[in-house]
Amino acid sequence: MTATACVLPSPDSAGEVISGAVFVCPPAWTQLLTQALAFVTDIGGMLAHGPIIAREFRIPAVLGLGDATRKIQTDDLLTVDGNSGTVQVVPVDTTDPSNT
């Protein structure tokens, strides 16, 4: 699944939710998962509340990345593979006029 990132590092950023994005946030933000296409966190494991809720909503979840909320920026294009546990930032071709 590939979509735009929405980084939500703290409760102060709740007003910045982008519906239909990959949420990169602390595990406690599970109440927002109804609007997410995928879920990426700095900490947590597969038995934590966040990934259980993500499975119920049938969205990919990758947890325990350590520094996702610092390295990923809102509006980065991400590919999230919950099966392999990988998150990749997709490079945007700035020479392509359709990407402006």
PDB file of N, CA and C in Angstrom:
ATOM      1  N   MET A   1       0.836  -1.156   0.000  1.00  0.00           N
ATOM      2  CA  MET A   1       0.000   0.000   0.000  1.00  0.00           C
ATOM      3  C   MET A   1       0.894   1.235   0.000  1.00  0.00           C
ATOM      4  N   THR A   2       0.625   2.146  -0.893  1.00  0.00           N
ATOM      5  CA  THR A   2       1.400   3.378  -0.987  1.00  0.00           C
ATOM      6  C   THR A   2       0.469   4.566  -0.852  1.00  0.00           C
ATOM      7  N   ALA A   3       0.818   5.488   0.045  1.00  0.00           N
ATOM      8  CA  ALA A   3       0.002   6.682   0.271  1.00  0.00           C
ATOM      9  C   ALA A   3       0.852   7.752   0.942  1.00  0.00           C
ATOM     10  N   THR A   4       0.282   8.921   1.077  1.00  0.00           N
ATOM     11  CA  THR A   4       0.956  10.056   1.702  1.00  0.00           C
ATOM     12  C   THR A   4       1.012   9.878   3.209  1.00  0.00           C
ATOM     13  N   ALA A   5       2.117  10.306   3.816  1.00  0.00           N
ATOM     14  CA  ALA A   5       2.288  10.234   5.270  1.00  0.00           C
ATOM     15  C   ALA A   5       1.593  11.398   5.957  1.00  0.00           C
ATOM     16  N   CYS A   6       1.132  11.136   7.169  1.00  0.00           N
ATOM     17  CA  CYS A   6       0.624  12.167   8.072  1.00  0.00           C
ATOM     18  C   CYS A   6       1.279  11.908   9.425  1.00  0.00           C
ATOM     19  N   VAL A   7       2.302  12.708   9.770  1.00  0.00           N
ATOM     20  CA  VAL A   7       3.050  12.518  11.006  1.00  0.00           C
ATOM     21  C   VAL A   7       2.322  13.239  12.135  1.00  0.00           C
ATOM     22  N   LEU A   8       2.029  12.483  13.206  1.00  0.00           N
ATOM     23  CA  LEU A   8       1.301  12.996  14.368  1.00  0.00           C
ATOM     24  C   LEU A   8       2.102  12.660  15.620  1.00  0.00           C
ATOM     25  N   PRO A   9       3.155  13.424  15.926  1.00  0.00           N
ATOM     26  CA  PRO A   9       4.064  13.050  17.003  1.00  0.00           C
ATOM     27  C   PRO A   9       3.533  13.259  18.416  1.00  0.00           C
ATOM     28  N   SER A  10       2.500  14.085  18.578  1.00  0.00           N
ATOM     29  CA  SER A  10       2.017  14.379  19.926  1.00  0.00           C
ATOM     30  C   SER A  10       0.529  14.701  19.885  1.00  0.00           C
ATOM     31  N   PRO A  11      -0.138  14.709  21.047  1.00  0.00           N
ATOM     32  CA  PRO A  11      -1.560  15.060  21.072  1.00  0.00           C
ATOM     33  C   PRO A  11      -1.842  16.452  20.506  1.00  0.00           C
ATOM     34  N   ASP A  12      -0.869  17.339  20.536  1.00  0.00           N
ATOM     35  CA  ASP A  12      -1.054  18.679  19.974  1.00  0.00           C
ATOM     36  C   ASP A  12      -1.283  18.653  18.469  1.00  0.00           C
ATOM     37  N   SER A  13      -0.912  17.567  17.809  1.00  0.00           N
ATOM     38  CA  SER A  13      -1.031  17.494  16.354  1.00  0.00           C
ATOM     39  C   SER A  13      -2.333  16.855  15.888  1.00  0.00           C
ATOM     40  N   ALA A  14      -3.261  16.603  16.775  1.00  0.00           N
ATOM     41  CA  ALA A  14      -4.524  15.945  16.411  1.00  0.00           C
ATOM     42  C   ALA A  14      -5.301  16.725  15.362  1.00  0.00           C
ATOM     43  N   GLY A  15      -5.182  18.028  15.352  1.00  0.00           N
ATOM     44  CA  GLY A  15      -5.880  18.841  14.364  1.00  0.00           C
ATOM     45  C   GLY A  15      -5.279  18.759  12.977  1.00  0.00           C
ATOM     46  N   GLU A  16      -4.155  18.083  12.844  1.00  0.00           N
ATOM     47  CA  GLU A  16      -3.459  17.983  11.560  1.00  0.00           C
ATOM     48  C   GLU A  16      -3.723  16.664  10.843  1.00  0.00           C
ATOM     49  N   VAL A  17      -4.701  15.904  11.295  1.00  0.00           N
ATOM     50  CA  VAL A  17      -5.006  14.600  10.706  1.00  0.00           C
ATOM     51  C   VAL A  17      -5.396  14.768   9.244  1.00  0.00           C
ATOM     52  N   ILE A  18      -4.774  13.965   8.382  1.00  0.00           N
ATOM     53  CA  ILE A  18      -5.113  13.922   6.962  1.00  0.00           C
ATOM     54  C   ILE A  18      -5.802  12.587   6.713  1.00  0.00           C
ATOM     55  N   SER A  19      -7.103  12.621   6.523  1.00  0.00           N
ATOM     56  CA  SER A  19      -7.856  11.392   6.287  1.00  0.00           C
ATOM     57  C   SER A  19      -7.345  10.701   5.027  1.00  0.00           C
ATOM     58  N   GLY A  20      -7.230   9.381   5.076  1.00  0.00           N
ATOM     59  CA  GLY A  20      -6.761   8.610   3.937  1.00  0.00           C
ATOM     60  C   GLY A  20      -5.264   8.615   3.761  1.00  0.00           C
ATOM     61  N   ALA A  21      -4.531   8.877   4.837  1.00  0.00           N
ATOM     62  CA  ALA A  21      -3.070   8.901   4.797  1.00  0.00           C
ATOM     63  C   ALA A  21      -2.506   7.747   5.616  1.00  0.00           C
ATOM     64  N   VAL A  22      -1.187   7.581   5.562  1.00  0.00           N
ATOM     65  CA  VAL A  22      -0.489   6.657   6.448  1.00  0.00           C
ATOM     66  C   VAL A  22      -0.197   7.435   7.724  1.00  0.00           C
ATOM     67  N   PHE A  23      -0.731   6.996   8.846  1.00  0.00           N
ATOM     68  CA  PHE A  23      -0.502   7.690  10.104  1.00  0.00           C
ATOM     69  C   PHE A  23       0.798   7.207  10.724  1.00  0.00           C
ATOM     70  N   VAL A  24       1.702   8.133  10.975  1.00  0.00           N
ATOM     71  CA  VAL A  24       2.980   7.863  11.626  1.00  0.00           C
ATOM     72  C   VAL A  24       2.868   8.539  12.982  1.00  0.00           C
ATOM     73  N   CYS A  25       2.664   7.720  14.042  1.00  0.00           N
ATOM     74  CA  CYS A  25       2.290   8.297  15.325  1.00  0.00           C
ATOM     75  C   CYS A  25       2.568   7.333  16.470  1.00  0.00           C
ATOM     76  N   PRO A  26       2.442   7.824  17.704  1.00  0.00           N
ATOM     77  CA  PRO A  26       2.570   6.927  18.852  1.00  0.00           C
ATOM     78  C   PRO A  26       1.442   5.886  18.841  1.00  0.00           C
ATOM     79  N   PRO A  27       1.670   4.722  19.442  1.00  0.00           N
ATOM     80  CA  PRO A  27       0.654   3.667  19.435  1.00  0.00           C
ATOM     81  C   PRO A  27      -0.668   4.061  20.079  1.00  0.00           C
ATOM     82  N   ALA A  28      -0.670   5.035  20.943  1.00  0.00           N
ATOM     83  CA  ALA A  28      -1.892   5.415  21.651  1.00  0.00           C
ATOM     84  C   ALA A  28      -2.915   6.122  20.768  1.00  0.00           C
ATOM     85  N   TRP A  29      -2.586   6.382  19.531  1.00  0.00           N
ATOM     86  CA  TRP A  29      -3.484   7.122  18.645  1.00  0.00           C
ATOM     87  C   TRP A  29      -4.470   6.219  17.911  1.00  0.00           C
ATOM     88  N   THR A  30      -4.792   5.078  18.460  1.00  0.00           N
ATOM     89  CA  THR A  30      -5.643   4.120  17.750  1.00  0.00           C
ATOM     90  C   THR A  30      -7.044   4.647  17.460  1.00  0.00           C
ATOM     91  N   GLN A  31      -7.524   5.620  18.224  1.00  0.00           N
ATOM     92  CA  GLN A  31      -8.858   6.158  17.961  1.00  0.00           C
ATOM     93  C   GLN A  31      -8.924   6.847  16.596  1.00  0.00           C
ATOM     94  N   LEU A  32      -7.785   7.161  15.987  1.00  0.00           N
ATOM     95  CA  LEU A  32      -7.759   7.820  14.687  1.00  0.00           C
ATOM     96  C   LEU A  32      -7.684   6.834  13.514  1.00  0.00           C
ATOM     97  N   LEU A  33      -7.544   5.546  13.789  1.00  0.00           N
ATOM     98  CA  LEU A  33      -7.289   4.574  12.723  1.00  0.00           C
ATOM     99  C   LEU A  33      -8.437   4.424  11.737  1.00  0.00           C
ATOM    100  N   THR A  34      -9.626   4.858  12.090  1.00  0.00           N
ATOM    101  CA  THR A  34     -10.736   4.766  11.139  1.00  0.00           C
ATOM    102  C   THR A  34     -10.488   5.643   9.917  1.00  0.00           C
ATOM    103  N   GLN A  35      -9.587   6.617  10.029  1.00  0.00           N
ATOM    104  CA  GLN A  35      -9.290   7.531   8.924  1.00  0.00           C
ATOM    105  C   GLN A  35      -7.982   7.185   8.215  1.00  0.00           C
ATOM    106  N   ALA A  36      -7.265   6.161   8.677  1.00  0.00           N
ATOM    107  CA  ALA A  36      -5.928   5.854   8.152  1.00  0.00           C
ATOM    108  C   ALA A  36      -5.971   4.759   7.092  1.00  0.00           C
ATOM    109  N   LEU A  37      -4.982   4.795   6.202  1.00  0.00           N
ATOM    110  CA  LEU A  37      -4.780   3.708   5.247  1.00  0.00           C
ATOM    111  C   LEU A  37      -3.745   2.714   5.745  1.00  0.00           C
ATOM    112  N   ALA A  38      -2.887   3.159   6.674  1.00  0.00           N
ATOM    113  CA  ALA A  38      -1.870   2.308   7.301  1.00  0.00           C
ATOM    114  C   ALA A  38      -1.446   2.988   8.593  1.00  0.00           C
ATOM    115  N   PHE A  39      -0.685   2.242   9.424  1.00  0.00           N
ATOM    116  CA  PHE A  39      -0.324   2.697  10.765  1.00  0.00           C
ATOM    117  C   PHE A  39       1.150   2.378  10.991  1.00  0.00           C
ATOM    118  N   VAL A  40       1.960   3.387  11.313  1.00  0.00           N
ATOM    119  CA  VAL A  40       3.395   3.225  11.537  1.00  0.00           C
ATOM    120  C   VAL A  40       3.737   3.882  12.865  1.00  0.00           C
ATOM    121  N   THR A  41       4.486   3.173  13.740  1.00  0.00           N
ATOM    122  CA  THR A  41       4.827   3.742  15.045  1.00  0.00           C
ATOM    123  C   THR A  41       6.313   3.583  15.363  1.00  0.00           C
ATOM    124  N   ASP A  42       6.758   4.395  16.314  1.00  0.00           N
ATOM    125  CA  ASP A  42       8.134   4.317  16.793  1.00  0.00           C
ATOM    126  C   ASP A  42       8.343   3.114  17.712  1.00  0.00           C
ATOM    127  N   ILE A  43       7.334   2.801  18.523  1.00  0.00           N
ATOM    128  CA  ILE A  43       7.446   1.719  19.504  1.00  0.00           C
ATOM    129  C   ILE A  43       6.258   0.784  19.366  1.00  0.00           C
ATOM    130  N   GLY A  44       6.331  -0.349  20.030  1.00  0.00           N
ATOM    131  CA  GLY A  44       5.206  -1.280  20.060  1.00  0.00           C
ATOM    132  C   GLY A  44       5.529  -2.588  19.381  1.00  0.00           C
ATOM    133  N   GLY A  45       4.654  -3.543  19.595  1.00  0.00           N
ATOM    134  CA  GLY A  45       4.795  -4.865  19.013  1.00  0.00           C
ATOM    135  C   GLY A  45       3.448  -5.364  18.535  1.00  0.00           C
ATOM    136  N   MET A  46       3.423  -6.510  17.907  1.00  0.00           N
ATOM    137  CA  MET A  46       2.208  -7.021  17.275  1.00  0.00           C
ATOM    138  C   MET A  46       1.079  -7.337  18.252  1.00  0.00           C
ATOM    139  N   LEU A  47       1.380  -7.478  19.544  1.00  0.00           N
ATOM    140  CA  LEU A  47       0.318  -7.738  20.508  1.00  0.00           C
ATOM    141  C   LEU A  47      -0.158  -6.467  21.211  1.00  0.00           C
ATOM    142  N   ALA A  48       0.381  -5.326  20.816  1.00  0.00           N
ATOM    143  CA  ALA A  48      -0.060  -4.047  21.381  1.00  0.00           C
ATOM    144  C   ALA A  48      -1.448  -3.707  20.834  1.00  0.00           C
ATOM    145  N   HIS A  49      -2.098  -2.770  21.485  1.00  0.00           N
ATOM    146  CA  HIS A  49      -3.460  -2.386  21.108  1.00  0.00           C
ATOM    147  C   HIS A  49      -3.531  -1.856  19.672  1.00  0.00           C
ATOM    148  N   GLY A  50      -2.568  -1.028  19.270  1.00  0.00           N
ATOM    149  CA  GLY A  50      -2.586  -0.419  17.938  1.00  0.00           C
ATOM    150  C   GLY A  50      -2.653  -1.417  16.795  1.00  0.00           C
ATOM    151  N   PRO A  51      -1.752  -2.399  16.746  1.00  0.00           N
ATOM    152  CA  PRO A  51      -1.808  -3.342  15.633  1.00  0.00           C
ATOM    153  C   PRO A  51      -3.035  -4.250  15.674  1.00  0.00           C
ATOM    154  N   ILE A  52      -3.533  -4.528  16.861  1.00  0.00           N
ATOM    155  CA  ILE A  52      -4.765  -5.326  16.948  1.00  0.00           C
ATOM    156  C   ILE A  52      -5.914  -4.567  16.305  1.00  0.00           C
ATOM    157  N   ILE A  53      -6.022  -3.272  16.624  1.00  0.00           N
ATOM    158  CA  ILE A  53      -7.071  -2.439  16.021  1.00  0.00           C
ATOM    159  C   ILE A  53      -6.834  -2.314  14.515  1.00  0.00           C
ATOM    160  N   ALA A  54      -5.578  -2.142  14.096  1.00  0.00           N
ATOM    161  CA  ALA A  54      -5.263  -2.046  12.668  1.00  0.00           C
ATOM    162  C   ALA A  54      -5.712  -3.312  11.932  1.00  0.00           C
ATOM    163  N   ARG A  55      -5.475  -4.479  12.523  1.00  0.00           N
ATOM    164  CA  ARG A  55      -5.935  -5.730  11.890  1.00  0.00           C
ATOM    165  C   ARG A  55      -7.445  -5.765  11.791  1.00  0.00           C
ATOM    166  N   GLU A  56      -8.141  -5.265  12.817  1.00  0.00           N
ATOM    167  CA  GLU A  56      -9.605  -5.235  12.759  1.00  0.00           C
ATOM    168  C   GLU A  56     -10.099  -4.347  11.625  1.00  0.00           C
ATOM    169  N   PHE A  57      -9.390  -3.246  11.371  1.00  0.00           N
ATOM    170  CA  PHE A  57      -9.751  -2.345  10.277  1.00  0.00           C
ATOM    171  C   PHE A  57      -9.146  -2.778   8.945  1.00  0.00           C
ATOM    172  N   ARG A  58      -8.357  -3.862   8.968  1.00  0.00           N
ATOM    173  CA  ARG A  58      -7.723  -4.414   7.768  1.00  0.00           C
ATOM    174  C   ARG A  58      -6.792  -3.404   7.094  1.00  0.00           C
ATOM    175  N   ILE A  59      -6.000  -2.717   7.921  1.00  0.00           N
ATOM    176  CA  ILE A  59      -4.996  -1.814   7.380  1.00  0.00           C
ATOM    177  C   ILE A  59      -3.618  -2.302   7.819  1.00  0.00           C
ATOM    178  N   PRO A  60      -2.583  -2.103   6.984  1.00  0.00           N
ATOM    179  CA  PRO A  60      -1.246  -2.540   7.356  1.00  0.00           C
ATOM    180  C   PRO A  60      -0.696  -1.739   8.534  1.00  0.00           C
ATOM    181  N   ALA A  61       0.053  -2.411   9.387  1.00  0.00           N
ATOM    182  CA  ALA A  61       0.690  -1.761  10.535  1.00  0.00           C
ATOM    183  C   ALA A  61       2.135  -2.228  10.629  1.00  0.00           C
ATOM    184  N   VAL A  62       3.040  -1.264  10.829  1.00  0.00           N
ATOM    185  CA  VAL A  62       4.452  -1.555  11.066  1.00  0.00           C
ATOM    186  C   VAL A  62       4.834  -0.796  12.320  1.00  0.00           C
ATOM    187  N   LEU A  63       5.312  -1.528  13.334  1.00  0.00           N
ATOM    188  CA  LEU A  63       5.583  -0.927  14.633  1.00  0.00           C
ATOM    189  C   LEU A  63       7.031  -1.119  15.042  1.00  0.00           C
ATOM    190  N   GLY A  64       7.448  -0.319  16.019  1.00  0.00           N
ATOM    191  CA  GLY A  64       8.778  -0.471  16.590  1.00  0.00           C
ATOM    192  C   GLY A  64       9.903   0.046  15.720  1.00  0.00           C
ATOM    193  N   LEU A  65       9.641   1.058  14.886  1.00  0.00           N
ATOM    194  CA  LEU A  65      10.688   1.584  14.017  1.00  0.00           C
ATOM    195  C   LEU A  65      11.676   2.485  14.754  1.00  0.00           C
ATOM    196  N   GLY A  66      11.337   2.933  15.945  1.00  0.00           N
ATOM    197  CA  GLY A  66      12.267   3.705  16.758  1.00  0.00           C
ATOM    198  C   GLY A  66      12.282   5.193  16.492  1.00  0.00           C
ATOM    199  N   ASP A  67      12.288   5.587  15.221  1.00  0.00           N
ATOM    200  CA  ASP A  67      12.425   7.007  14.912  1.00  0.00           C
ATOM    201  C   ASP A  67      11.562   7.459  13.736  1.00  0.00           C
ATOM    202  N   ALA A  68      10.495   6.751  13.468  1.00  0.00           N
ATOM    203  CA  ALA A  68       9.648   7.078  12.316  1.00  0.00           C
ATOM    204  C   ALA A  68       9.085   8.491  12.399  1.00  0.00           C
ATOM    205  N   THR A  69       8.645   8.929  13.590  1.00  0.00           N
ATOM    206  CA  THR A  69       8.047  10.263  13.703  1.00  0.00           C
ATOM    207  C   THR A  69       9.074  11.373  13.529  1.00  0.00           C
ATOM    208  N   ARG A  70      10.355  11.039  13.600  1.00  0.00           N
ATOM    209  CA  ARG A  70      11.403  12.042  13.375  1.00  0.00           C
ATOM    210  C   ARG A  70      11.934  11.998  11.937  1.00  0.00           C
ATOM    211  N   LYS A  71      11.991  10.817  11.329  1.00  0.00           N
ATOM    212  CA  LYS A  71      12.578  10.687   9.999  1.00  0.00           C
ATOM    213  C   LYS A  71      11.570  10.874   8.868  1.00  0.00           C
ATOM    214  N   ILE A  72      10.320  10.541   9.110  1.00  0.00           N
ATOM    215  CA  ILE A  72       9.288  10.682   8.079  1.00  0.00           C
ATOM    216  C   ILE A  72       8.618  12.033   8.257  1.00  0.00           C
ATOM    217  N   GLN A  73       8.369  12.705   7.143  1.00  0.00           N
ATOM    218  CA  GLN A  73       7.721  14.016   7.161  1.00  0.00           C
ATOM    219  C   GLN A  73       6.300  13.891   6.614  1.00  0.00           C
ATOM    220  N   THR A  74       5.393  14.701   7.141  1.00  0.00           N
ATOM    221  CA  THR A  74       4.050  14.757   6.571  1.00  0.00           C
ATOM    222  C   THR A  74       4.173  15.086   5.089  1.00  0.00           C
ATOM    223  N   ASP A  75       3.386  14.417   4.273  1.00  0.00           N
ATOM    224  CA  ASP A  75       3.337  14.524   2.813  1.00  0.00           C
ATOM    225  C   ASP A  75       4.405  13.699   2.106  1.00  0.00           C
ATOM    226  N   ASP A  76       5.327  13.013   2.837  1.00  0.00           N
ATOM    227  CA  ASP A  76       6.191  12.037   2.187  1.00  0.00           C
ATOM    228  C   ASP A  76       5.304  10.947   1.609  1.00  0.00           C
ATOM    229  N   LEU A  77       5.680  10.387   0.478  1.00  0.00           N
ATOM    230  CA  LEU A  77       4.962   9.263  -0.093  1.00  0.00           C
ATOM    231  C   LEU A  77       5.580   7.991   0.478  1.00  0.00           C
ATOM    232  N   LEU A  78       4.762   7.149   1.142  1.00  0.00           N
ATOM    233  CA  LEU A  78       5.257   5.942   1.800  1.00  0.00           C
ATOM    234  C   LEU A  78       4.669   4.694   1.173  1.00  0.00           C
ATOM    235  N   THR A  79       5.463   3.637   1.145  1.00  0.00           N
ATOM    236  CA  THR A  79       4.963   2.300   0.848  1.00  0.00           C
ATOM    237  C   THR A  79       5.092   1.504   2.143  1.00  0.00           C
ATOM    238  N   VAL A  80       3.962   0.999   2.633  1.00  0.00           N
ATOM    239  CA  VAL A  80       3.907   0.258   3.894  1.00  0.00           C
ATOM    240  C   VAL A  80       3.518  -1.179   3.585  1.00  0.00           C
ATOM    241  N   ASP A  81       4.360  -2.123   4.013  1.00  0.00           N
ATOM    242  CA  ASP A  81       4.074  -3.546   3.837  1.00  0.00           C
ATOM    243  C   ASP A  81       3.998  -4.184   5.221  1.00  0.00           C
ATOM    244  N   GLY A  82       2.786  -4.368   5.701  1.00  0.00           N
ATOM    245  CA  GLY A  82       2.585  -4.956   7.020  1.00  0.00           C
ATOM    246  C   GLY A  82       3.037  -6.394   7.103  1.00  0.00           C
ATOM    247  N   ASN A  83       3.005  -7.125   5.989  1.00  0.00           N
ATOM    248  CA  ASN A  83       3.434  -8.530   5.995  1.00  0.00           C
ATOM    249  C   ASN A  83       4.930  -8.661   6.221  1.00  0.00           C
ATOM    250  N   SER A  84       5.718  -7.796   5.587  1.00  0.00           N
ATOM    251  CA  SER A  84       7.168  -7.884   5.752  1.00  0.00           C
ATOM    252  C   SER A  84       7.685  -6.940   6.837  1.00  0.00           C
ATOM    253  N   GLY A  85       6.815  -6.039   7.341  1.00  0.00           N
ATOM    254  CA  GLY A  85       7.220  -5.107   8.384  1.00  0.00           C
ATOM    255  C   GLY A  85       8.126  -4.000   7.885  1.00  0.00           C
ATOM    256  N   THR A  86       7.907  -3.568   6.632  1.00  0.00           N
ATOM    257  CA  THR A  86       8.764  -2.536   6.064  1.00  0.00           C
ATOM    258  C   THR A  86       7.983  -1.274   5.713  1.00  0.00           C
ATOM    259  N   VAL A  87       8.693  -0.148   5.823  1.00  0.00           N
ATOM    260  CA  VAL A  87       8.169   1.153   5.409  1.00  0.00           C
ATOM    261  C   VAL A  87       9.242   1.793   4.557  1.00  0.00           C
ATOM    262  N   GLN A  88       8.871   2.222   3.360  1.00  0.00           N
ATOM    263  CA  GLN A  88       9.830   2.881   2.475  1.00  0.00           C
ATOM    264  C   GLN A  88       9.290   4.245   2.069  1.00  0.00           C
ATOM    265  N   VAL A  89      10.164   5.250   2.110  1.00  0.00           N
ATOM    266  CA  VAL A  89       9.814   6.558   1.564  1.00  0.00           C
ATOM    267  C   VAL A  89      10.069   6.477   0.066  1.00  0.00           C
ATOM    268  N   VAL A  90       9.030   6.773  -0.711  1.00  0.00           N
ATOM    269  CA  VAL A  90       9.126   6.698  -2.168  1.00  0.00           C
ATOM    270  C   VAL A  90       9.680   8.019  -2.677  1.00  0.00           C
ATOM    271  N   PRO A  91      10.801   7.966  -3.417  1.00  0.00           N
ATOM    272  CA  PRO A  91      11.347   9.213  -3.956  1.00  0.00           C
ATOM    273  C   PRO A  91      10.401   9.798  -5.003  1.00  0.00           C
ATOM    274  N   VAL A  92      10.228  11.111  -4.952  1.00  0.00           N
ATOM    275  CA  VAL A  92       9.372  11.796  -5.914  1.00  0.00           C
ATOM    276  C   VAL A  92      10.260  12.359  -7.007  1.00  0.00           C
ATOM    277  N   ASP A  93       9.897  12.084  -8.249  1.00  0.00           N
ATOM    278  CA  ASP A  93      10.667  12.589  -9.389  1.00  0.00           C
ATOM    279  C   ASP A  93      10.282  14.044  -9.629  1.00  0.00           C
ATOM    280  N   THR A  94      11.143  14.962  -9.202  1.00  0.00           N
ATOM    281  CA  THR A  94      10.840  16.384  -9.323  1.00  0.00           C
ATOM    282  C   THR A  94      10.958  16.886 -10.765  1.00  0.00           C
ATOM    283  N   THR A  95      11.505  16.055 -11.664  1.00  0.00           N
ATOM    284  CA  THR A  95      11.591  16.461 -13.080  1.00  0.00           C
ATOM    285  C   THR A  95      10.311  16.124 -13.821  1.00  0.00           C
ATOM    286  N   ASP A  96       9.421  15.340 -13.207  1.00  0.00           N
ATOM    287  CA  ASP A  96       8.156  14.973 -13.810  1.00  0.00           C
ATOM    288  C   ASP A  96       7.135  16.064 -13.502  1.00  0.00           C
ATOM    289  N   PRO A  97       6.594  16.755 -14.536  1.00  0.00           N
ATOM    290  CA  PRO A  97       5.674  17.856 -14.278  1.00  0.00           C
ATOM    291  C   PRO A  97       4.391  17.428 -13.574  1.00  0.00           C
ATOM    292  N   SER A  98       4.033  16.160 -13.623  1.00  0.00           N
ATOM    293  CA  SER A  98       2.817  15.702 -12.930  1.00  0.00           C
ATOM    294  C   SER A  98       3.015  15.641 -11.421  1.00  0.00           C
ATOM    295  N   ASN A  99       4.250  15.760 -10.911  1.00  0.00           N
ATOM    296  CA  ASN A  99       4.539  15.714  -9.480  1.00  0.00           C
ATOM    297  C   ASN A  99       4.633  17.097  -8.854  1.00  0.00           C
ATOM    298  N   THR A 100       4.225  18.128  -9.538  1.00  0.00           N
ATOM    299  CA  THR A 100       4.313  19.478  -8.975  1.00  0.00           C
ATOM    300  C   THR A 100       2.983  19.983  -8.525  1.00  0.00           C
TER     301      THR A 100
END
